[in-house]
Amino acid sequence: MKLNKYHILLGIIVVVVLAIAAFLGIILGNIGISRNYKTIAEGIIIEKKDEDYTSVLITNYDDYIKFLKKYNINERVFLTAGDLEKNDYIIDFILYDENLKIENIDLEIADMGINLTYFVNKNVTNSNKILIYFIPLSDKGLITNYNLNNHNFEVK
């Protein structure tokens, strides 16, 4: 079978239309994601709004998904169901600056609740961004009644 100019032109048009549609799909699919938040190795950075930023303990994947939906960041998943089968996570909120580096975290379980001490390179006191920080607990079920008692920053 011999291809004529009509078939070749039609094939080129189909390929170009499909390429443009794929490109537009990728661009439009990522527009909403890139505007609301940014994911980094330690957690998710969001724009600070008038919301309740209370630290929580997440012990299962369903609660994790509800948490993401509450802050309208459920388009991307930071933790997997497997992560939450192995570990519970404290999810904490801290003011964020691009130059902030968290070097270590000390977690102390006290009678009054949990004390978190962040060892950082600088103390961020004013910012329009919040880092939703995920702290894995070494033992699943280690904390059953979570109450954040204290939240400190020590500059190294």
N, C-alpha and C. Protein backbone atom coordinates (compact mmCIF):
# COMPACT_ATOMS: atom_id res chain seq x y z
N MET A 1 0.85 -1.17 0.00
CA MET A 1 0.00 0.00 0.00
C MET A 1 0.89 1.23 0.00
N LYS A 2 0.56 2.13 -0.88
CA LYS A 2 1.35 3.32 -1.05
C LYS A 2 0.65 4.48 -0.35
N LEU A 3 1.44 5.25 0.45
CA LEU A 3 0.88 6.41 1.13
C LEU A 3 0.95 7.61 0.20
N ASN A 4 -0.14 8.33 0.17
CA ASN A 4 -0.11 9.55 -0.63
C ASN A 4 0.09 10.75 0.28
N LYS A 5 0.19 11.91 -0.29
CA LYS A 5 0.46 13.13 0.47
C LYS A 5 -0.64 13.41 1.49
N TYR A 6 -1.87 13.04 1.17
CA TYR A 6 -2.99 13.25 2.08
C TYR A 6 -2.81 12.46 3.36
N HIS A 7 -2.44 11.20 3.27
CA HIS A 7 -2.24 10.35 4.45
C HIS A 7 -1.08 10.84 5.30
N ILE A 8 0.00 11.25 4.68
CA ILE A 8 1.16 11.75 5.41
C ILE A 8 0.80 13.04 6.16
N LEU A 9 0.09 13.95 5.49
CA LEU A 9 -0.31 15.21 6.11
C LEU A 9 -1.27 14.95 7.27
N LEU A 10 -2.22 14.05 7.10
CA LEU A 10 -3.16 13.71 8.17
C LEU A 10 -2.42 13.10 9.37
N GLY A 11 -1.44 12.24 9.13
CA GLY A 11 -0.64 11.65 10.20
C GLY A 11 0.14 12.70 10.97
N ILE A 12 0.73 13.65 10.27
CA ILE A 12 1.48 14.73 10.93
C ILE A 12 0.54 15.59 11.78
N ILE A 13 -0.63 15.91 11.27
CA ILE A 13 -1.60 16.72 12.03
C ILE A 13 -2.03 15.99 13.30
N VAL A 14 -2.31 14.70 13.21
CA VAL A 14 -2.72 13.92 14.37
C VAL A 14 -1.62 13.91 15.43
N VAL A 15 -0.38 13.70 15.03
CA VAL A 15 0.74 13.68 15.98
C VAL A 15 0.91 15.04 16.65
N VAL A 16 0.82 16.12 15.89
CA VAL A 16 0.96 17.46 16.45
C VAL A 16 -0.17 17.76 17.44
N VAL A 17 -1.41 17.42 17.09
CA VAL A 17 -2.55 17.66 17.98
C VAL A 17 -2.39 16.87 19.27
N LEU A 18 -1.98 15.62 19.19
CA LEU A 18 -1.77 14.80 20.39
C LEU A 18 -0.65 15.36 21.27
N ALA A 19 0.42 15.84 20.66
CA ALA A 19 1.53 16.41 21.42
C ALA A 19 1.09 17.68 22.14
N ILE A 20 0.34 18.54 21.46
CA ILE A 20 -0.16 19.77 22.09
C ILE A 20 -1.12 19.43 23.22
N ALA A 21 -2.00 18.47 23.02
CA ALA A 21 -2.96 18.08 24.07
C ALA A 21 -2.22 17.53 25.29
N ALA A 22 -1.19 16.72 25.09
CA ALA A 22 -0.42 16.18 26.21
C ALA A 22 0.29 17.29 26.96
N PHE A 23 0.90 18.21 26.24
CA PHE A 23 1.61 19.34 26.86
C PHE A 23 0.64 20.20 27.68
N LEU A 24 -0.52 20.53 27.12
CA LEU A 24 -1.50 21.33 27.85
C LEU A 24 -2.04 20.59 29.07
N GLY A 25 -2.22 19.29 28.97
CA GLY A 25 -2.68 18.50 30.12
C GLY A 25 -1.69 18.55 31.27
N ILE A 26 -0.41 18.44 30.96
CA ILE A 26 0.62 18.51 32.01
C ILE A 26 0.64 19.89 32.64
N ILE A 27 0.62 20.93 31.84
CA ILE A 27 0.65 22.31 32.36
C ILE A 27 -0.58 22.59 33.22
N LEU A 28 -1.76 22.31 32.70
CA LEU A 28 -3.00 22.61 33.44
C LEU A 28 -3.13 21.74 34.69
N GLY A 29 -2.63 20.52 34.64
CA GLY A 29 -2.70 19.64 35.80
C GLY A 29 -1.83 20.09 36.95
N ASN A 30 -0.76 20.81 36.66
CA ASN A 30 0.17 21.24 37.71
C ASN A 30 -0.05 22.66 38.17
N ILE A 31 -0.94 23.41 37.55
CA ILE A 31 -1.15 24.81 37.95
C ILE A 31 -1.64 24.91 39.38
N GLY A 32 -2.68 24.20 39.76
CA GLY A 32 -3.23 24.28 41.11
C GLY A 32 -2.25 23.79 42.16
N ILE A 33 -1.46 22.79 41.85
CA ILE A 33 -0.53 22.23 42.82
C ILE A 33 0.57 23.22 43.15
N SER A 34 1.15 23.86 42.15
CA SER A 34 2.30 24.71 42.41
C SER A 34 1.92 26.01 43.11
N ARG A 35 0.70 26.42 43.09
CA ARG A 35 0.31 27.68 43.71
C ARG A 35 0.00 27.54 45.20
N ASN A 36 -0.51 26.39 45.64
CA ASN A 36 -0.97 26.24 47.01
C ASN A 36 0.13 25.90 48.00
N TYR A 37 1.08 25.11 47.60
CA TYR A 37 2.10 24.67 48.53
C TYR A 37 3.28 24.11 47.78
N LYS A 38 4.34 23.87 48.53
CA LYS A 38 5.57 23.31 47.97
C LYS A 38 6.01 22.17 48.89
N THR A 39 6.45 21.07 48.33
CA THR A 39 6.92 19.94 49.11
C THR A 39 8.44 19.98 49.20
N ILE A 40 8.97 19.79 50.41
CA ILE A 40 10.40 19.68 50.59
C ILE A 40 10.67 18.39 51.36
N ALA A 41 11.93 18.05 51.58
CA ALA A 41 12.28 16.78 52.22
C ALA A 41 11.69 16.65 53.62
N GLU A 42 11.59 17.75 54.37
CA GLU A 42 11.13 17.69 55.74
C GLU A 42 9.61 17.77 55.87
N GLY A 43 8.94 18.26 54.88
CA GLY A 43 7.50 18.42 54.99
C GLY A 43 6.92 19.20 53.84
N ILE A 44 5.87 19.92 54.14
CA ILE A 44 5.14 20.67 53.12
C ILE A 44 5.08 22.13 53.56
N ILE A 45 5.44 23.02 52.67
CA ILE A 45 5.39 24.46 52.96
C ILE A 45 4.09 25.01 52.38
N ILE A 46 3.34 25.73 53.22
CA ILE A 46 2.08 26.33 52.78
C ILE A 46 2.09 27.82 53.12
N GLU A 47 1.22 28.56 52.47
CA GLU A 47 1.04 29.96 52.80
C GLU A 47 0.27 30.05 54.11
N LYS A 48 0.71 30.93 55.00
CA LYS A 48 0.07 31.11 56.29
C LYS A 48 -1.27 31.81 56.09
N LYS A 49 -2.32 31.25 56.69
CA LYS A 49 -3.66 31.81 56.62
C LYS A 49 -4.23 31.86 58.03
N ASP A 50 -5.42 32.35 58.17
CA ASP A 50 -6.08 32.38 59.48
C ASP A 50 -6.71 31.02 59.73
N GLU A 51 -5.86 30.04 60.07
CA GLU A 51 -6.33 28.69 60.34
C GLU A 51 -5.73 28.22 61.66
N ASP A 52 -6.22 27.10 62.13
CA ASP A 52 -5.72 26.48 63.34
C ASP A 52 -4.51 25.62 62.99
N TYR A 53 -3.36 26.00 63.47
CA TYR A 53 -2.14 25.24 63.22
C TYR A 53 -1.71 24.54 64.51
N THR A 54 -2.48 23.54 64.90
CA THR A 54 -2.22 22.79 66.12
C THR A 54 -1.55 21.47 65.77
N SER A 55 -0.46 21.19 66.44
CA SER A 55 0.27 19.94 66.24
C SER A 55 -0.64 18.75 66.53
N VAL A 56 -0.48 17.68 65.72
CA VAL A 56 -1.33 16.49 65.89
C VAL A 56 -0.47 15.23 65.78
N LEU A 57 -1.02 14.14 66.29
CA LEU A 57 -0.43 12.83 66.14
C LEU A 57 -1.27 12.06 65.12
N ILE A 58 -0.62 11.53 64.10
CA ILE A 58 -1.30 10.75 63.07
C ILE A 58 -0.83 9.30 63.20
N THR A 59 -1.78 8.39 63.32
CA THR A 59 -1.44 6.98 63.52
C THR A 59 -1.91 6.06 62.40
N ASN A 60 -2.72 6.60 61.47
CA ASN A 60 -3.19 5.75 60.37
C ASN A 60 -3.38 6.59 59.11
N TYR A 61 -3.46 5.91 57.99
CA TYR A 61 -3.50 6.58 56.70
C TYR A 61 -4.79 7.37 56.48
N ASP A 62 -5.91 6.87 56.96
CA ASP A 62 -7.18 7.59 56.80
C ASP A 62 -7.14 8.95 57.50
N ASP A 63 -6.62 8.97 58.73
CA ASP A 63 -6.49 10.24 59.45
C ASP A 63 -5.52 11.18 58.74
N TYR A 64 -4.48 10.62 58.15
CA TYR A 64 -3.51 11.41 57.39
C TYR A 64 -4.18 12.09 56.18
N ILE A 65 -4.99 11.35 55.46
CA ILE A 65 -5.68 11.90 54.29
C ILE A 65 -6.67 12.99 54.74
N LYS A 66 -7.38 12.78 55.84
CA LYS A 66 -8.28 13.82 56.38
C LYS A 66 -7.49 15.07 56.75
N PHE A 67 -6.32 14.88 57.33
CA PHE A 67 -5.45 16.01 57.69
C PHE A 67 -5.08 16.81 56.44
N LEU A 68 -4.66 16.13 55.38
CA LEU A 68 -4.28 16.80 54.14
C LEU A 68 -5.45 17.58 53.55
N LYS A 69 -6.64 16.99 53.58
CA LYS A 69 -7.83 17.67 53.04
C LYS A 69 -8.18 18.91 53.85
N LYS A 70 -7.98 18.85 55.17
CA LYS A 70 -8.28 19.99 56.04
C LYS A 70 -7.49 21.22 55.61
N TYR A 71 -6.24 21.01 55.19
CA TYR A 71 -5.39 22.13 54.79
C TYR A 71 -5.31 22.28 53.28
N ASN A 72 -6.18 21.59 52.56
CA ASN A 72 -6.31 21.69 51.11
C ASN A 72 -4.98 21.40 50.40
N ILE A 73 -4.30 20.37 50.86
CA ILE A 73 -3.04 19.97 50.25
C ILE A 73 -3.07 18.49 49.86
N ASN A 74 -4.24 17.98 49.58
CA ASN A 74 -4.40 16.56 49.33
C ASN A 74 -4.09 16.15 47.89
N GLU A 75 -3.63 17.07 47.04
CA GLU A 75 -3.27 16.68 45.68
C GLU A 75 -2.02 15.82 45.65
N ARG A 76 -1.12 16.06 46.59
CA ARG A 76 0.11 15.27 46.67
C ARG A 76 0.17 14.60 48.03
N VAL A 77 0.69 13.42 48.05
CA VAL A 77 0.79 12.66 49.30
C VAL A 77 2.27 12.60 49.70
N PHE A 78 2.57 13.03 50.91
CA PHE A 78 3.93 13.05 51.42
C PHE A 78 4.30 11.70 52.03
N LEU A 79 3.37 11.11 52.79
CA LEU A 79 3.57 9.81 53.42
C LEU A 79 2.72 8.76 52.71
N THR A 80 3.14 7.53 52.78
CA THR A 80 2.37 6.44 52.19
C THR A 80 1.69 5.63 53.29
N ALA A 81 0.80 4.75 52.90
CA ALA A 81 0.14 3.88 53.87
C ALA A 81 1.19 3.01 54.57
N GLY A 82 2.22 2.60 53.85
CA GLY A 82 3.29 1.80 54.43
C GLY A 82 4.06 2.55 55.50
N ASP A 83 4.28 3.86 55.28
CA ASP A 83 4.95 4.67 56.29
C ASP A 83 4.17 4.66 57.59
N LEU A 84 2.86 4.75 57.49
CA LEU A 84 2.02 4.83 58.68
C LEU A 84 1.76 3.46 59.30
N GLU A 85 2.08 2.39 58.60
CA GLU A 85 2.02 1.06 59.21
C GLU A 85 3.24 0.84 60.09
N LYS A 86 4.37 1.46 59.71
CA LYS A 86 5.62 1.29 60.45
C LYS A 86 5.77 2.29 61.60
N ASN A 87 5.33 3.52 61.38
CA ASN A 87 5.55 4.59 62.35
C ASN A 87 4.30 5.42 62.53
N ASP A 88 4.17 5.99 63.74
CA ASP A 88 3.23 7.08 63.95
C ASP A 88 4.01 8.36 63.67
N TYR A 89 3.30 9.44 63.36
CA TYR A 89 3.96 10.71 63.04
C TYR A 89 3.34 11.84 63.84
N ILE A 90 4.21 12.66 64.41
CA ILE A 90 3.77 13.94 64.96
C ILE A 90 3.87 14.92 63.80
N ILE A 91 2.79 15.62 63.56
CA ILE A 91 2.80 16.65 62.53
C ILE A 91 2.75 17.98 63.25
N ASP A 92 3.81 18.76 63.07
CA ASP A 92 3.96 20.03 63.76
C ASP A 92 4.02 21.16 62.73
N PHE A 93 3.66 22.33 63.17
CA PHE A 93 3.65 23.52 62.31
C PHE A 93 4.68 24.50 62.84
N ILE A 94 5.59 24.94 61.96
CA ILE A 94 6.56 25.95 62.37
C ILE A 94 6.66 27.02 61.29
N LEU A 95 6.97 28.24 61.73
CA LEU A 95 7.18 29.33 60.78
C LEU A 95 8.38 28.98 59.91
N TYR A 96 8.28 29.29 58.62
CA TYR A 96 9.30 28.85 57.67
C TYR A 96 9.95 30.02 56.96
N ASP A 97 11.25 29.87 56.76
CA ASP A 97 12.06 30.79 55.97
C ASP A 97 12.96 29.90 55.11
N GLU A 98 13.24 30.31 53.87
CA GLU A 98 14.03 29.48 52.97
C GLU A 98 15.40 29.11 53.53
N ASN A 99 15.95 29.95 54.39
CA ASN A 99 17.27 29.70 54.96
C ASN A 99 17.23 28.86 56.23
N LEU A 100 16.04 28.50 56.69
CA LEU A 100 15.91 27.71 57.91
C LEU A 100 16.41 26.29 57.68
N LYS A 101 17.27 25.83 58.56
CA LYS A 101 17.76 24.46 58.53
C LYS A 101 17.52 23.84 59.90
N ILE A 102 16.79 22.75 59.92
CA ILE A 102 16.54 22.02 61.16
C ILE A 102 17.59 20.92 61.24
N GLU A 103 18.49 21.05 62.23
CA GLU A 103 19.59 20.11 62.34
C GLU A 103 19.24 18.88 63.15
N ASN A 104 18.37 19.04 64.14
CA ASN A 104 17.99 17.92 64.99
C ASN A 104 16.72 18.29 65.75
N ILE A 105 16.03 17.28 66.25
CA ILE A 105 14.84 17.52 67.07
C ILE A 105 14.95 16.63 68.30
N ASP A 106 14.73 17.22 69.45
CA ASP A 106 14.69 16.46 70.70
C ASP A 106 13.24 16.34 71.11
N LEU A 107 12.78 15.11 71.28
CA LEU A 107 11.41 14.84 71.68
C LEU A 107 11.44 14.26 73.09
N GLU A 108 10.76 14.93 74.01
CA GLU A 108 10.71 14.46 75.40
C GLU A 108 9.26 14.18 75.77
N ILE A 109 9.02 13.00 76.30
CA ILE A 109 7.68 12.64 76.76
C ILE A 109 7.63 12.91 78.25
N ALA A 110 6.79 13.88 78.64
CA ALA A 110 6.67 14.28 80.04
C ALA A 110 5.24 14.03 80.51
N ASP A 111 5.02 14.16 81.82
CA ASP A 111 3.69 13.97 82.39
C ASP A 111 2.67 14.96 81.82
N MET A 112 3.11 16.18 81.57
CA MET A 112 2.21 17.23 81.08
C MET A 112 1.99 17.17 79.57
N GLY A 113 2.79 16.39 78.87
CA GLY A 113 2.66 16.28 77.43
C GLY A 113 4.02 16.16 76.76
N ILE A 114 4.04 16.37 75.48
CA ILE A 114 5.26 16.23 74.68
C ILE A 114 5.98 17.57 74.61
N ASN A 115 7.30 17.53 74.78
CA ASN A 115 8.14 18.71 74.61
C ASN A 115 8.99 18.51 73.36
N LEU A 116 8.89 19.43 72.42
CA LEU A 116 9.70 19.38 71.20
C LEU A 116 10.71 20.51 71.25
N THR A 117 11.98 20.17 71.03
CA THR A 117 13.02 21.19 70.92
C THR A 117 13.67 21.03 69.55
N TYR A 118 13.57 22.07 68.75
CA TYR A 118 14.18 22.09 67.43
C TYR A 118 15.55 22.75 67.54
N PHE A 119 16.59 22.11 67.02
CA PHE A 119 17.92 22.71 66.94
C PHE A 119 18.06 23.22 65.51
N VAL A 120 18.11 24.55 65.37
CA VAL A 120 18.04 25.20 64.07
C VAL A 120 19.21 26.16 63.88
N ASN A 121 19.38 26.60 62.65
CA ASN A 121 20.43 27.57 62.37
C ASN A 121 19.97 29.00 62.62
N LYS A 122 18.66 29.23 62.70
CA LYS A 122 18.13 30.55 62.98
C LYS A 122 16.71 30.43 63.51
N ASN A 123 16.27 31.43 64.24
CA ASN A 123 14.92 31.43 64.79
C ASN A 123 14.04 32.30 63.90
N VAL A 124 13.02 31.72 63.32
CA VAL A 124 12.10 32.45 62.45
C VAL A 124 10.94 32.93 63.33
N THR A 125 10.78 34.23 63.46
CA THR A 125 9.73 34.77 64.33
C THR A 125 8.58 35.40 63.55
N ASN A 126 8.81 35.69 62.27
CA ASN A 126 7.77 36.31 61.47
C ASN A 126 7.90 35.79 60.04
N SER A 127 6.84 35.19 59.54
CA SER A 127 6.86 34.66 58.18
C SER A 127 5.44 34.49 57.68
N ASN A 128 5.28 34.54 56.36
CA ASN A 128 3.97 34.28 55.77
C ASN A 128 3.88 32.83 55.28
N LYS A 129 4.89 32.01 55.66
CA LYS A 129 4.89 30.60 55.27
C LYS A 129 4.99 29.72 56.50
N ILE A 130 4.34 28.58 56.41
CA ILE A 130 4.33 27.58 57.49
C ILE A 130 4.91 26.28 56.93
N LEU A 131 5.79 25.66 57.71
CA LEU A 131 6.29 24.34 57.37
C LEU A 131 5.50 23.32 58.17
N ILE A 132 4.80 22.44 57.47
CA ILE A 132 4.13 21.32 58.12
C ILE A 132 5.19 20.23 58.20
N TYR A 133 5.70 20.03 59.41
CA TYR A 133 6.86 19.17 59.63
C TYR A 133 6.43 17.80 60.13
N PHE A 134 6.92 16.75 59.51
CA PHE A 134 6.56 15.37 59.83
C PHE A 134 7.67 14.73 60.66
N ILE A 135 7.35 14.36 61.89
CA ILE A 135 8.32 13.78 62.80
C ILE A 135 7.94 12.31 63.04
N PRO A 136 8.71 11.36 62.48
CA PRO A 136 8.38 9.95 62.71
C PRO A 136 8.76 9.53 64.12
N LEU A 137 7.91 8.76 64.74
CA LEU A 137 8.21 8.21 66.06
C LEU A 137 8.84 6.83 65.86
N SER A 138 9.85 6.53 66.63
CA SER A 138 10.61 5.29 66.44
C SER A 138 9.78 4.04 66.72
N ASP A 139 8.85 4.12 67.65
CA ASP A 139 8.03 2.96 67.98
C ASP A 139 6.56 3.26 67.72
N LYS A 140 5.92 2.42 66.92
CA LYS A 140 4.49 2.56 66.66
C LYS A 140 3.73 2.34 67.97
N GLY A 141 2.81 3.24 68.29
CA GLY A 141 2.03 3.12 69.52
C GLY A 141 2.74 3.68 70.75
N LEU A 142 3.89 4.32 70.55
CA LEU A 142 4.66 4.88 71.67
C LEU A 142 3.85 5.93 72.44
N ILE A 143 3.12 6.77 71.72
CA ILE A 143 2.30 7.82 72.33
C ILE A 143 0.85 7.52 72.01
N THR A 144 0.02 7.44 73.04
CA THR A 144 -1.40 7.17 72.81
C THR A 144 -2.26 8.40 73.05
N ASN A 145 -1.86 9.26 73.97
CA ASN A 145 -2.62 10.47 74.27
C ASN A 145 -1.71 11.66 73.99
N TYR A 146 -1.83 12.24 72.80
CA TYR A 146 -0.91 13.28 72.37
C TYR A 146 -1.36 14.66 72.83
N ASN A 147 -0.45 15.35 73.47
CA ASN A 147 -0.66 16.73 73.88
C ASN A 147 0.68 17.44 73.78
N LEU A 148 0.78 18.44 72.88
CA LEU A 148 2.03 19.19 72.75
C LEU A 148 2.10 20.19 73.90
N ASN A 149 3.04 19.96 74.78
CA ASN A 149 3.21 20.81 75.96
C ASN A 149 4.08 22.01 75.65
N ASN A 150 5.18 21.79 74.96
CA ASN A 150 6.15 22.84 74.74
C ASN A 150 6.80 22.66 73.38
N HIS A 151 7.15 23.78 72.79
CA HIS A 151 7.66 23.82 71.42
C HIS A 151 8.77 24.88 71.42
N ASN A 152 10.06 24.47 71.49
CA ASN A 152 11.17 25.40 71.62
C ASN A 152 12.09 25.33 70.41
N PHE A 153 12.83 26.41 70.21
CA PHE A 153 13.84 26.47 69.16
C PHE A 153 15.15 26.90 69.78
N GLU A 154 16.21 26.12 69.56
CA GLU A 154 17.54 26.48 70.02
C GLU A 154 18.40 26.70 68.79
N VAL A 155 18.97 27.91 68.72
CA VAL A 155 19.82 28.25 67.58
C VAL A 155 21.23 27.76 67.86
N LYS A 156 21.76 26.98 66.94
CA LYS A 156 23.14 26.44 67.07
C LYS A 156 24.11 27.34 66.38
